[in-house]
Every structure is written in structure tokens, then in C-alpha cells.
Amino acid sequence: MKLKLAIYLSILFIGSYSTQITAQKTIQLTIKNIEKDSVMIAYYFGEKQYILGDENGNNTYIKFDKNGKGTFTGNLSKKGMYMLVFPPKNDYIDFLFDGKDLEISLDRKLMQKSISFKNSSANQLLYKYVSFLSNLSNEKEEFLNNKNNNIDKERLLKELDIRHVEFKNELVSNNMNNMAAKFLKASNQIKVPLEITNKKEQFEYYKANFFNTINFNDEWLIRTPFFYPKIMTYLDKLTEQKIDEIAKSIDYIIGLSVNNDEMYQYLVVTFLNKYAKSSLMIAENVYSHIVKKYYIERKATWIEDSQLTKIIATYNKSKNSLIGRKVDDFKIINNNNQTTSLYKTAAQYKILYFWQPPFNQADLKVSKEELPNNVAFLSISKSFNLKERDDFIAKYPQDFPLNILIEEDRLAVFESLNIYKTKTKPTVFLLDESNQIIAKRITVKQVFEMIDQLNNSKK
């Protein structure tokens, strides 16, 4: 197979989870038809793969003698799924590493068919399954290409599926303590019983049993290709994308790992990073939930004080501008030089549009044309004082009121709503009549679409 994803040397995690593999181990390689190929060893971690390097972080290329023999001796102690990678094409073959020295032999031209192992019952079992699967695939291809219309292809496909399931289940049940058996069991997909026919009940069963095949005490699963996609599927596909529901799912998954420190740390850090980088409007709320529950409450025991301080600082910057929070009152001066305030602005919905010239004035034109009767639109300069605002309007006449913050409220508003004064891109908030934040950092068009949805849902 060819490696589709990029191979990385290092990665920065906000929660300081280390991807380093430590302790000296030896892998003896005998590769027929190696020719001039170089070989590296990589491992899976999360959604990426990482090359094993030396103590200086340099790539470790394995050198081979004329007989195709080579030795890797380096930092390799953590269990998981690894791979032999053949640059520059980056085709590769997987193997399991159980923490012991290992011998691998293969033919470069027929890697999957020829690979064999010494000192590894896990890989012998794994490739017994791979070989069976390959033969099954050949059978399937053979009768699918058969032009005999008398063949019941649907029945044969079902029979192949049954044989596959039976072989895999027997392999797993007869080798419960084998690493390969645990790997195969964990990679199984949940099947909903046929007697459950209601779609809602099917979904509920699937979700409730989604992690039944995974033992969260096996921390080496984080170094396999399927574990990260599985937890992300649960969060992104099986969880309703609402703040409370996502937080509930995160706590559930992390709760499965409380008896394994490495798995627990991996999950907490992975979720923190996911929502720190997410473009979801509600991501800051989820991020704040993780910080409060796992970092502020000192459950992230691995983190250094300096990193914890940075994480909490990020949390403090955003905590008052989260979805659902009530915005503190502030005063503004309108086009008529009258002082009013947010709370004195009566409307079912309020749009706060903080701008900094130059900005897209088409937003204000559209807003004036499309503004429903139950919506107040407050366009507020991020930087102008009274004279600068009036000079701007005199030079560039506006069809829409341009308000300014009173000087004594300006800094407090910026800090409370986590607004960057220097950014020219407008910062937009949608509030309800009680001044709670419904949405933020979206376009004016998206705001109007959301208001339409809210109005329609109340009809």
C-alpha cells in the first residue's frame, strides 16, 4: 500500500501530550529484492503517522548489506501498530509491536504475501487473518467477474461475509490475550440486531454499543489507525452538535479511560486540541467545559504550571463571550450624538456589529434592506472617538447609523467579548431580548438566516 497521509516528525499539543517513543529496542530485517530502497519505521498516533528518529530528531534510515539484512536499533518501546516505510514512494506494510525485539523477513516485490515474523505471535496471528482476507477477496473478485448469469451472486456474497465473520470471531475467541486478537476485536464495527427495525431504536442501539469492542485500558490502541477516527465518529456523527450534548459525549469517552493514565491523558489532550482549533461556533463553549472540568479542577496532573497558566488565560479571555452568556451593558453614542445603551435597546433580537475601517459596507446596506421589525442592528466602531466618527461620516456618507463606544466602556467591552481591536474583519454577535449570546463570529448573511430559523420555529 502507498501512504496517503503525510508522515510527520513532530507535533505540538496544547496539553503537552508527548509522542516520543523511548527505550532501545532492536528490529532485525531481512528483505529480499531490497535493491537501493531505503527503509524507515513509522508509527500511528491519532490521525497522523510519525517517523521514528534518533535522539536528535533526525530520520533514521535503515542500512542493508548485500544479503538484504539490516537492523533498526533505537527508541521503540510503546506497543502499537507500526509500519515499514519505503521512500520515496512511501509504500508501506504494517506490523504490530508488542514491546519485544523482533525479526521480520519479506520480499520487497511481494510484501504482504511473503512477510514472516520471529518472536511475534501477534504478527503471525495478524497475517493469518490478512492472508485469509486476501484469499476471500480473490474469491469475491472471481465470481463477480464470472459472466454466468446462473450464479446467485447475492447468495455467494452473503456466504463470504458469513465465512469472514466466523473466521475472525474464532480467531479472536481462541486467542483472547493475543495483541492481534485484541486489535481485530477493537476494529470490529457494531452490528444492530435484525429484530430492531425502528430507525431511532437502531441508532440508539448503535450509539450505546459503539465502544463495546474496545478496552480503554489497552493504551496502545491510540497507536493504531482506527482508534482516532472511531472517537471522532462518535463526537461528530453520533452526537448532536449542541454544547451540552458534545460535552456529555466527551465526559463519557474520557470516563471510559479513568483506569489507564496514558489513555486518559491522550483523550483529554486530544479533545482540548480539537475544540481549540475547531471552526464550530460553539467550539469555545466545549473548550471551556474541558478546561474547567479537567484542567482547573487539576485532573490533568501531567501538565506543567506554565502550560496550565496559558490554557487558563485562553479560557478567561473567552468565558464571558460564550454562547448562552449574558452580555454586560455598555453605553454607545449614536449618529445624533445621543448616549444610549445596549440594555435600553428594545428588540427581540439584537445584532452587534463591531467594525474597523476599511470594512465591507455592503453588510450595512444589506442589513438595512433586510432588517426585520423585531431586530435591532447596532453597528459599533472598534476604534473611533466622537470626532473621528463624525469626520468619517462627513467624508463617507452612510445610510446606516455608525455608533461609537463611550471611552470609559471601550476596554471593558473588548475584554468581555474577546474582541480584537486591530482586526479589520467585523466581529458579529446575535443576542436575544435578554441580551444573551445566541450566535457569534458569523457573517451578517448567516445572522439573518438564523433569525429566520428562530422566527419560523416559533410559528
Protein backbone atom coordinates (compact mmCIF):
# COMPACT_ATOMS: atom_id res chain seq x y z
CA MET A 1 0.00 0.00 0.00
CA LYS A 2 1.02 3.59 -0.51
CA LEU A 3 0.97 6.00 2.41
CA LYS A 4 -1.77 8.50 1.65
CA LEU A 5 -1.24 10.75 4.65
CA ALA A 6 1.86 12.80 5.25
CA ILE A 7 4.44 11.41 7.64
CA TYR A 8 5.44 13.81 10.39
CA LEU A 9 8.44 14.17 12.62
CA SER A 10 6.81 16.09 15.47
CA ILE A 11 3.58 17.74 16.58
CA LEU A 12 2.61 20.41 19.10
CA PHE A 13 -0.18 19.53 21.51
CA ILE A 14 -1.70 22.23 23.70
CA GLY A 15 -1.96 19.76 26.55
CA SER A 16 1.66 18.63 26.12
CA TYR A 17 1.00 15.02 25.22
CA SER A 18 4.30 13.52 24.12
CA THR A 19 4.51 11.36 21.00
CA GLN A 20 8.07 10.34 21.80
CA ILE A 21 8.82 6.61 21.77
CA THR A 22 11.54 5.81 24.31
CA ALA A 23 13.83 2.88 25.17
CA GLN A 24 16.24 0.99 22.95
CA LYS A 25 14.78 -1.96 21.05
CA THR A 26 16.01 -3.95 18.05
CA ILE A 27 14.20 -4.99 14.88
CA GLN A 28 16.13 -7.33 12.59
CA LEU A 29 15.09 -7.07 8.93
CA THR A 30 15.77 -9.42 6.05
CA ILE A 31 14.40 -8.04 2.79
CA LYS A 32 14.77 -9.82 -0.50
CA ASN A 33 14.98 -7.62 -3.63
CA ILE A 34 15.69 -4.56 -1.50
CA GLU A 35 17.97 -3.10 -4.23
CA LYS A 36 18.58 0.58 -3.46
CA ASP A 37 15.47 1.18 -1.40
CA SER A 38 15.83 2.84 1.95
CA VAL A 39 13.57 1.85 4.81
CA MET A 40 12.21 3.80 7.76
CA ILE A 41 9.99 2.76 10.64
CA ALA A 42 6.91 4.83 11.45
CA TYR A 43 4.05 4.50 13.88
CA TYR A 44 0.44 5.60 14.04
CA PHE A 45 -0.61 8.19 16.56
CA GLY A 46 -4.01 9.85 16.45
CA GLU A 47 -4.78 10.94 12.91
CA LYS A 48 -1.16 11.01 11.70
CA GLN A 49 1.90 8.85 11.34
CA TYR A 50 5.34 9.66 12.74
CA ILE A 51 8.79 8.58 11.65
CA LEU A 52 10.99 7.10 14.34
CA GLY A 53 14.11 9.21 14.58
CA ASP A 54 17.33 9.35 16.53
CA GLU A 55 17.89 11.28 19.76
CA ASN A 56 18.42 14.48 17.71
CA GLY A 57 15.11 14.16 15.88
CA ASN A 58 16.68 13.12 12.57
CA ASN A 59 15.10 10.48 10.34
CA THR A 60 16.52 7.03 10.93
CA TYR A 61 17.18 5.19 7.65
CA ILE A 62 17.96 1.50 7.99
CA LYS A 63 21.06 0.37 6.10
CA PHE A 64 21.17 -3.05 4.42
CA ASP A 65 24.08 -5.27 3.49
CA LYS A 66 24.41 -7.19 0.23
CA ASN A 67 22.30 -10.01 1.65
CA GLY A 68 19.39 -7.70 2.36
CA LYS A 69 19.93 -7.71 6.10
CA GLY A 70 19.51 -4.58 8.18
CA THR A 71 18.97 -3.68 11.81
CA PHE A 72 17.00 -0.94 13.48
CA THR A 73 18.14 -0.13 16.98
CA GLY A 74 16.50 2.85 18.54
CA ASN A 75 13.75 4.37 20.58
CA LEU A 76 10.96 1.84 20.32
CA SER A 77 9.20 0.74 23.47
CA LYS A 78 5.50 1.55 23.27
CA LYS A 79 3.13 -1.03 21.91
CA GLY A 80 1.04 -0.30 18.86
CA MET A 81 0.84 -0.66 15.10
CA TYR A 82 3.99 0.34 13.25
CA MET A 83 4.97 0.25 9.61
CA LEU A 84 7.97 -0.29 7.39
CA VAL A 85 8.01 2.67 5.00
CA PHE A 86 9.88 2.63 1.66
CA PRO A 87 10.69 6.17 0.42
CA PRO A 88 10.34 7.95 -1.90
CA LYS A 89 7.07 6.29 -2.96
CA ASN A 90 6.18 5.78 0.69
CA ASP A 91 4.59 2.40 0.11
CA TYR A 92 4.49 0.52 3.37
CA ILE A 93 3.47 -2.58 5.28
CA ASP A 94 2.05 -2.67 8.80
CA PHE A 95 3.13 -4.75 11.76
CA LEU A 96 2.29 -4.91 15.45
CA PHE A 97 4.93 -4.19 18.05
CA ASP A 98 4.39 -5.72 21.49
CA GLY A 99 7.43 -4.23 23.21
CA LYS A 100 9.87 -7.06 22.42
CA ASP A 101 12.76 -7.35 19.98
CA LEU A 102 11.51 -8.55 16.61
CA GLU A 103 12.67 -10.23 13.39
CA ILE A 104 10.89 -9.50 10.10
CA SER A 105 11.52 -11.09 6.70
CA LEU A 106 9.85 -10.23 3.40
CA ASP A 107 10.27 -9.99 -0.35
CA ARG A 108 10.17 -6.36 -1.50
CA LYS A 109 8.19 -7.36 -4.61
CA LEU A 110 5.56 -9.41 -2.75
CA MET A 111 5.46 -7.81 0.66
CA GLN A 112 2.09 -8.93 2.01
CA LYS A 113 2.34 -12.49 0.72
CA SER A 114 5.93 -13.03 1.79
CA ILE A 115 6.16 -11.31 5.17
CA SER A 116 7.03 -13.53 8.14
CA PHE A 117 8.00 -12.94 11.77
CA LYS A 118 10.07 -14.42 14.56
CA ASN A 119 9.43 -13.70 18.23
CA SER A 120 5.97 -12.35 17.47
CA SER A 121 2.86 -14.47 17.89
CA ALA A 122 0.83 -11.28 17.45
CA ASN A 123 2.06 -10.67 13.89
CA GLN A 124 1.78 -14.32 12.98
CA LEU A 125 -1.88 -14.21 14.02
CA LEU A 126 -2.46 -10.84 12.33
CA TYR A 127 -1.11 -12.04 8.98
CA LYS A 128 -3.00 -15.29 9.25
CA TYR A 129 -6.10 -13.09 9.21
CA VAL A 130 -4.70 -10.86 6.43
CA SER A 131 -3.96 -13.93 4.30
CA PHE A 132 -7.48 -15.29 4.83
CA LEU A 133 -8.95 -11.93 3.93
CA SER A 134 -6.85 -11.74 0.78
CA ASN A 135 -7.99 -15.19 -0.36
CA LEU A 136 -11.59 -14.26 0.38
CA SER A 137 -11.20 -11.11 -1.68
CA ASN A 138 -9.83 -13.11 -4.60
CA GLU A 139 -12.83 -15.45 -4.44
CA LYS A 140 -15.18 -12.49 -4.43
CA GLU A 141 -13.49 -10.89 -7.42
CA GLU A 142 -13.53 -14.18 -9.30
CA PHE A 143 -17.25 -14.80 -9.12
CA LEU A 144 -18.14 -11.11 -9.57
CA ASN A 145 -16.26 -11.24 -12.87
CA ASN A 146 -17.97 -14.51 -13.81
CA LYS A 147 -20.41 -13.83 -16.65
CA ASN A 148 -22.51 -16.91 -15.88
CA ASN A 149 -25.97 -15.50 -15.13
CA ASN A 150 -26.99 -18.68 -13.33
CA ILE A 151 -24.71 -17.83 -10.40
CA ASP A 152 -26.56 -16.38 -7.41
CA LYS A 153 -24.03 -13.65 -6.66
CA GLU A 154 -26.04 -12.17 -3.82
CA ARG A 155 -26.13 -15.51 -2.00
CA LEU A 156 -22.41 -16.05 -2.57
CA LEU A 157 -21.60 -12.59 -1.19
CA LYS A 158 -23.58 -13.38 1.95
CA GLU A 159 -21.75 -16.68 2.30
CA LEU A 160 -18.39 -14.92 2.01
CA ASP A 161 -19.45 -12.43 4.64
CA ILE A 162 -20.50 -15.24 6.98
CA ARG A 163 -17.19 -17.04 6.46
CA HIS A 164 -15.31 -13.84 7.18
CA VAL A 165 -17.21 -13.14 10.39
CA GLU A 166 -16.93 -16.73 11.61
CA PHE A 167 -13.19 -16.91 10.89
CA LYS A 168 -12.49 -13.60 12.59
CA ASN A 169 -14.63 -14.40 15.63
CA GLU A 170 -12.99 -17.79 16.05
CA LEU A 171 -9.53 -16.26 15.70
CA VAL A 172 -10.35 -13.69 18.38
CA SER A 173 -12.11 -16.07 20.81
CA ASN A 174 -9.29 -18.65 20.65
CA ASN A 175 -6.56 -16.04 21.26
CA MET A 176 -8.10 -13.57 23.71
CA ASN A 177 -4.78 -12.49 25.24
CA ASN A 178 -3.01 -12.07 21.92
CA MET A 179 -2.38 -8.47 20.87
CA ALA A 180 -3.56 -9.17 17.32
CA ALA A 181 -6.82 -10.66 18.59
CA LYS A 182 -7.41 -7.56 20.71
CA PHE A 183 -6.62 -5.40 17.68
CA LEU A 184 -9.07 -7.28 15.45
CA LYS A 185 -11.80 -7.22 18.09
CA ALA A 186 -11.36 -3.48 18.70
CA SER A 187 -11.59 -2.73 14.98
CA ASN A 188 -14.93 -4.53 14.65
CA GLN A 189 -17.98 -2.50 13.66
CA ILE A 190 -21.12 -2.68 15.79
CA LYS A 191 -23.97 -4.57 14.13
CA VAL A 192 -27.54 -3.77 15.08
CA PRO A 193 -29.68 -6.89 15.72
CA LEU A 194 -32.09 -7.62 12.88
CA GLU A 195 -35.06 -7.65 15.25
CA ILE A 196 -34.59 -3.92 15.88
CA THR A 197 -36.41 -2.36 12.94
CA ASN A 198 -37.26 1.13 14.21
CA LYS A 199 -34.66 3.59 12.86
CA LYS A 200 -34.49 5.62 16.05
CA GLU A 201 -34.01 2.47 18.12
CA GLN A 202 -31.38 1.23 15.65
CA PHE A 203 -29.44 4.46 16.08
CA GLU A 204 -29.75 4.37 19.86
CA TYR A 205 -28.52 0.77 19.98
CA TYR A 206 -25.60 1.56 17.65
CA LYS A 207 -24.54 4.57 19.71
CA ALA A 208 -24.97 2.87 23.08
CA ASN A 209 -22.81 -0.07 22.00
CA PHE A 210 -20.33 1.84 19.84
CA PHE A 211 -17.33 1.26 22.12
CA ASN A 212 -18.24 -2.25 23.29
CA THR A 213 -15.38 -3.85 21.36
CA ILE A 214 -12.72 -1.52 22.76
CA ASN A 215 -10.87 -2.00 26.03
CA PHE A 216 -9.83 1.52 27.08
CA ASN A 217 -7.22 0.00 29.38
CA ASP A 218 -5.25 -1.00 26.25
CA GLU A 219 -3.46 2.33 25.80
CA TRP A 220 -1.59 1.01 22.76
CA LEU A 221 -4.82 1.38 20.77
CA ILE A 222 -4.02 5.10 20.45
CA ARG A 223 -1.17 3.97 18.19
CA THR A 224 -3.45 2.22 15.69
CA PRO A 225 -5.06 3.63 12.52
CA PHE A 226 -8.69 3.16 13.61
CA PHE A 227 -8.88 4.49 17.18
CA TYR A 228 -8.79 8.24 16.46
CA PRO A 229 -11.37 8.04 13.62
CA LYS A 230 -13.63 5.98 15.88
CA ILE A 231 -13.75 8.51 18.72
CA MET A 232 -14.19 11.34 16.21
CA THR A 233 -17.08 9.50 14.57
CA TYR A 234 -18.78 9.28 17.95
CA LEU A 235 -18.30 13.02 18.58
CA ASP A 236 -19.01 14.35 15.08
CA LYS A 237 -21.53 11.88 13.66
CA LEU A 238 -23.30 10.19 16.57
CA THR A 239 -23.51 13.21 18.87
CA GLU A 240 -25.96 16.03 18.30
CA GLN A 241 -23.92 19.16 17.66
CA LYS A 242 -25.12 21.07 20.70
CA ILE A 243 -22.89 22.28 23.52
CA ASP A 244 -24.35 20.11 26.27
CA GLU A 245 -24.52 17.00 24.08
CA ILE A 246 -20.90 17.30 22.93
CA ALA A 247 -19.73 17.92 26.50
CA LYS A 248 -21.69 14.87 27.65
CA SER A 249 -20.07 12.69 24.96
CA ILE A 250 -16.59 13.95 25.82
CA ASP A 251 -17.09 13.16 29.51
CA TYR A 252 -18.45 9.72 28.62
CA ILE A 253 -15.46 8.79 26.47
CA ILE A 254 -12.92 10.15 28.95
CA GLY A 255 -14.76 8.30 31.71
CA LEU A 256 -14.06 5.01 29.94
CA SER A 257 -10.32 5.62 30.38
CA VAL A 258 -10.08 6.57 34.08
CA ASN A 259 -8.18 3.37 34.92
CA ASN A 260 -5.42 4.00 32.40
CA ASP A 261 -3.34 7.15 32.82
CA GLU A 262 -1.90 7.22 29.29
CA MET A 263 -5.27 6.71 27.60
CA TYR A 264 -6.87 9.30 29.91
CA GLN A 265 -4.20 11.89 29.12
CA TYR A 266 -4.41 11.20 25.40
CA LEU A 267 -8.18 11.70 25.30
CA VAL A 268 -8.21 14.88 27.40
CA VAL A 269 -5.43 16.46 25.33
CA THR A 270 -6.93 15.32 22.01
CA PHE A 271 -10.34 16.80 22.81
CA LEU A 272 -8.82 20.05 24.12
CA ASN A 273 -6.85 20.49 20.89
CA LYS A 274 -9.81 19.55 18.71
CA TYR A 275 -12.02 22.31 20.09
CA ALA A 276 -9.19 24.83 20.43
CA LYS A 277 -8.72 24.60 16.65
CA SER A 278 -12.34 24.00 15.63
CA SER A 279 -14.26 26.46 13.46
CA LEU A 280 -17.55 25.46 15.09
CA MET A 281 -19.37 28.44 16.58
CA ILE A 282 -19.86 26.50 19.81
CA ALA A 283 -16.25 25.27 19.98
CA GLU A 284 -15.24 27.82 22.62
CA ASN A 285 -18.02 26.57 24.88
CA VAL A 286 -16.82 22.98 24.54
CA TYR A 287 -13.20 24.06 25.03
CA SER A 288 -14.23 25.92 28.19
CA HIS A 289 -16.01 22.84 29.51
CA ILE A 290 -12.85 20.75 29.09
CA VAL A 291 -10.66 23.41 30.72
CA LYS A 292 -12.98 23.81 33.71
CA LYS A 293 -13.55 20.10 34.33
CA TYR A 294 -10.13 18.66 33.64
CA TYR A 295 -7.58 21.48 33.98
CA ILE A 296 -8.92 23.98 36.50
CA GLU A 297 -10.05 21.10 38.73
CA ARG A 298 -6.49 19.70 38.49
CA LYS A 299 -7.42 16.41 36.88
CA ALA A 300 -4.77 16.98 34.18
CA THR A 301 -1.98 16.04 36.57
CA TRP A 302 0.64 15.77 33.83
CA ILE A 303 0.62 19.40 32.77
CA GLU A 304 3.31 21.89 33.77
CA ASP A 305 2.31 25.06 35.59
CA SER A 306 3.44 27.32 32.72
CA GLN A 307 1.24 25.48 30.22
CA LEU A 308 -1.69 25.38 32.62
CA THR A 309 -1.40 29.15 33.05
CA LYS A 310 -1.63 29.65 29.27
CA ILE A 311 -4.66 27.36 28.94
CA ILE A 312 -6.50 29.10 31.77
CA ALA A 313 -5.61 32.51 30.30
CA THR A 314 -7.21 31.48 26.99
CA TYR A 315 -10.26 30.26 28.90
CA ASN A 316 -10.54 33.54 30.86
CA LYS A 317 -10.42 35.57 27.65
CA SER A 318 -13.39 33.78 26.16
CA LYS A 319 -15.54 32.79 29.15
CA ASN A 320 -17.68 35.98 29.11
CA SER A 321 -18.40 35.76 25.38
CA LEU A 322 -19.57 32.16 25.22
CA ILE A 323 -22.84 31.16 23.62
CA GLY A 324 -25.55 31.47 26.29
CA ARG A 325 -23.74 34.12 28.35
CA LYS A 326 -25.43 37.46 29.03
CA VAL A 327 -23.55 40.46 27.67
CA ASP A 328 -22.84 43.19 30.23
CA ASP A 329 -24.48 46.52 29.49
CA PHE A 330 -22.43 49.22 27.77
CA LYS A 331 -23.07 52.73 26.53
CA ILE A 332 -22.88 53.96 22.95
CA ILE A 333 -23.18 57.33 21.20
CA ASN A 334 -25.43 57.26 18.14
CA ASN A 335 -25.41 59.40 14.97
CA ASN A 336 -27.39 62.12 16.73
CA ASN A 337 -24.71 62.25 19.42
CA GLN A 338 -27.16 60.87 21.95
CA THR A 339 -25.93 58.47 24.60
CA THR A 340 -27.89 55.25 24.91
CA SER A 341 -27.03 51.68 25.92
CA LEU A 342 -27.37 48.05 24.91
CA TYR A 343 -29.98 47.36 27.58
CA LYS A 344 -32.07 50.38 26.53
CA THR A 345 -32.27 48.98 23.01
CA ALA A 346 -35.57 47.11 22.95
CA ALA A 347 -35.84 44.28 20.39
CA GLN A 348 -36.47 40.56 20.25
CA TYR A 349 -33.05 40.11 18.63
CA LYS A 350 -30.02 42.40 18.65
CA ILE A 351 -27.12 42.29 16.22
CA LEU A 352 -23.84 43.70 17.50
CA TYR A 353 -21.63 44.56 14.54
CA PHE A 354 -18.18 45.72 15.66
CA TRP A 355 -16.25 47.16 12.74
CA GLN A 356 -12.92 48.74 11.93
CA PRO A 357 -12.37 50.69 8.66
CA PRO A 358 -11.82 49.61 5.98
CA PHE A 359 -14.77 47.22 6.17
CA ASN A 360 -17.43 45.72 3.93
CA GLN A 361 -20.08 48.43 3.91
CA ALA A 362 -22.28 46.17 1.81
CA ASP A 363 -23.04 44.39 5.09
CA LEU A 364 -24.69 47.52 6.44
CA LYS A 365 -26.62 48.14 3.23
CA VAL A 366 -27.99 44.59 3.21
CA SER A 367 -28.83 44.85 6.89
CA LYS A 368 -30.87 48.00 6.38
CA GLU A 369 -32.78 46.48 3.46
CA GLU A 370 -33.49 43.14 5.14
CA LEU A 371 -33.80 44.08 8.81
CA PRO A 372 -36.96 42.53 10.31
CA ASN A 373 -39.10 44.63 12.63
CA ASN A 374 -38.15 42.59 15.68
CA VAL A 375 -34.39 43.07 15.17
CA ALA A 376 -32.10 45.92 16.25
CA PHE A 377 -28.82 46.36 14.38
CA LEU A 378 -26.08 48.15 16.33
CA SER A 379 -23.03 48.91 14.20
CA ILE A 380 -20.26 49.94 16.57
CA SER A 381 -16.82 51.27 15.71
CA LYS A 382 -13.93 49.45 17.33
CA SER A 383 -11.68 52.49 17.41
CA PHE A 384 -13.31 55.84 16.53
CA ASN A 385 -13.83 58.56 19.06
CA LEU A 386 -16.64 61.07 18.51
CA LYS A 387 -14.65 63.44 16.27
CA GLU A 388 -13.13 60.61 14.19
CA ARG A 389 -16.55 59.08 13.68
CA ASP A 390 -18.09 62.38 12.56
CA ASP A 391 -15.16 63.13 10.23
CA PHE A 392 -15.53 59.63 8.72
CA ILE A 393 -19.25 60.12 8.10
CA ALA A 394 -18.65 63.57 6.60
CA LYS A 395 -16.13 62.09 4.18
CA TYR A 396 -18.01 58.85 3.53
CA PRO A 397 -21.76 59.43 3.98
CA GLN A 398 -23.52 56.39 5.42
CA ASP A 399 -27.08 55.14 5.04
CA PHE A 400 -26.81 53.29 8.33
CA PRO A 401 -26.09 54.66 11.85
CA LEU A 402 -22.50 54.20 12.96
CA ASN A 403 -22.28 54.16 16.74
CA ILE A 404 -19.23 54.52 18.94
CA LEU A 405 -18.50 53.21 22.40
CA ILE A 406 -18.06 55.74 25.17
CA GLU A 407 -14.42 55.87 26.12
CA GLU A 408 -14.79 54.52 29.65
CA ASP A 409 -16.61 51.39 28.38
CA ARG A 410 -14.39 50.61 25.41
CA LEU A 411 -11.69 48.47 27.06
CA ALA A 412 -14.19 46.57 29.23
CA VAL A 413 -16.32 45.71 26.18
CA PHE A 414 -13.32 44.50 24.17
CA GLU A 415 -12.08 42.32 27.04
CA SER A 416 -15.51 40.96 27.96
CA LEU A 417 -16.43 40.00 24.37
CA ASN A 418 -12.87 38.97 23.43
CA ILE A 419 -12.78 41.44 20.52
CA TYR A 420 -9.53 42.23 18.75
CA LYS A 421 -9.45 45.95 18.08
CA THR A 422 -6.85 45.70 15.30
CA LYS A 423 -8.74 43.17 13.16
CA THR A 424 -10.46 44.80 10.21
CA LYS A 425 -12.86 41.88 9.76
CA PRO A 426 -16.13 42.73 11.56
CA THR A 427 -16.96 40.87 14.76
CA VAL A 428 -20.63 39.92 14.89
CA PHE A 429 -22.83 38.80 17.79
CA LEU A 430 -26.51 37.87 17.77
CA LEU A 431 -28.30 38.42 21.10
CA ASP A 432 -31.80 37.63 22.28
CA GLU A 433 -34.05 40.15 24.02
CA SER A 434 -32.44 39.37 27.40
CA ASN A 435 -29.01 40.11 25.87
CA GLN A 436 -27.80 36.50 25.94
CA ILE A 437 -25.49 35.48 23.11
CA ILE A 438 -27.24 33.21 20.59
CA ALA A 439 -24.54 33.23 17.93
CA LYS A 440 -21.21 34.93 17.27
CA ARG A 441 -18.39 35.38 14.78
CA ILE A 442 -20.57 34.61 11.78
CA THR A 443 -21.45 36.66 8.72
CA VAL A 444 -24.37 39.07 8.54
CA LYS A 445 -26.00 36.78 5.99
CA GLN A 446 -25.73 33.86 8.41
CA VAL A 447 -27.23 36.02 11.17
CA PHE A 448 -30.31 36.73 9.08
CA GLU A 449 -30.65 33.08 8.17
CA MET A 450 -30.51 32.17 11.85
CA ILE A 451 -33.12 34.79 12.75
CA ASP A 452 -35.42 33.39 10.04
CA GLN A 453 -34.98 29.89 11.51
CA LEU A 454 -35.71 31.15 15.01
CA ASN A 455 -38.80 33.04 13.87
CA ASN A 456 -40.09 30.04 11.90
CA SER A 457 -39.55 27.68 14.84
CA LYS A 458 -41.85 29.84 16.97
CA LYS A 459 -44.74 29.79 14.50
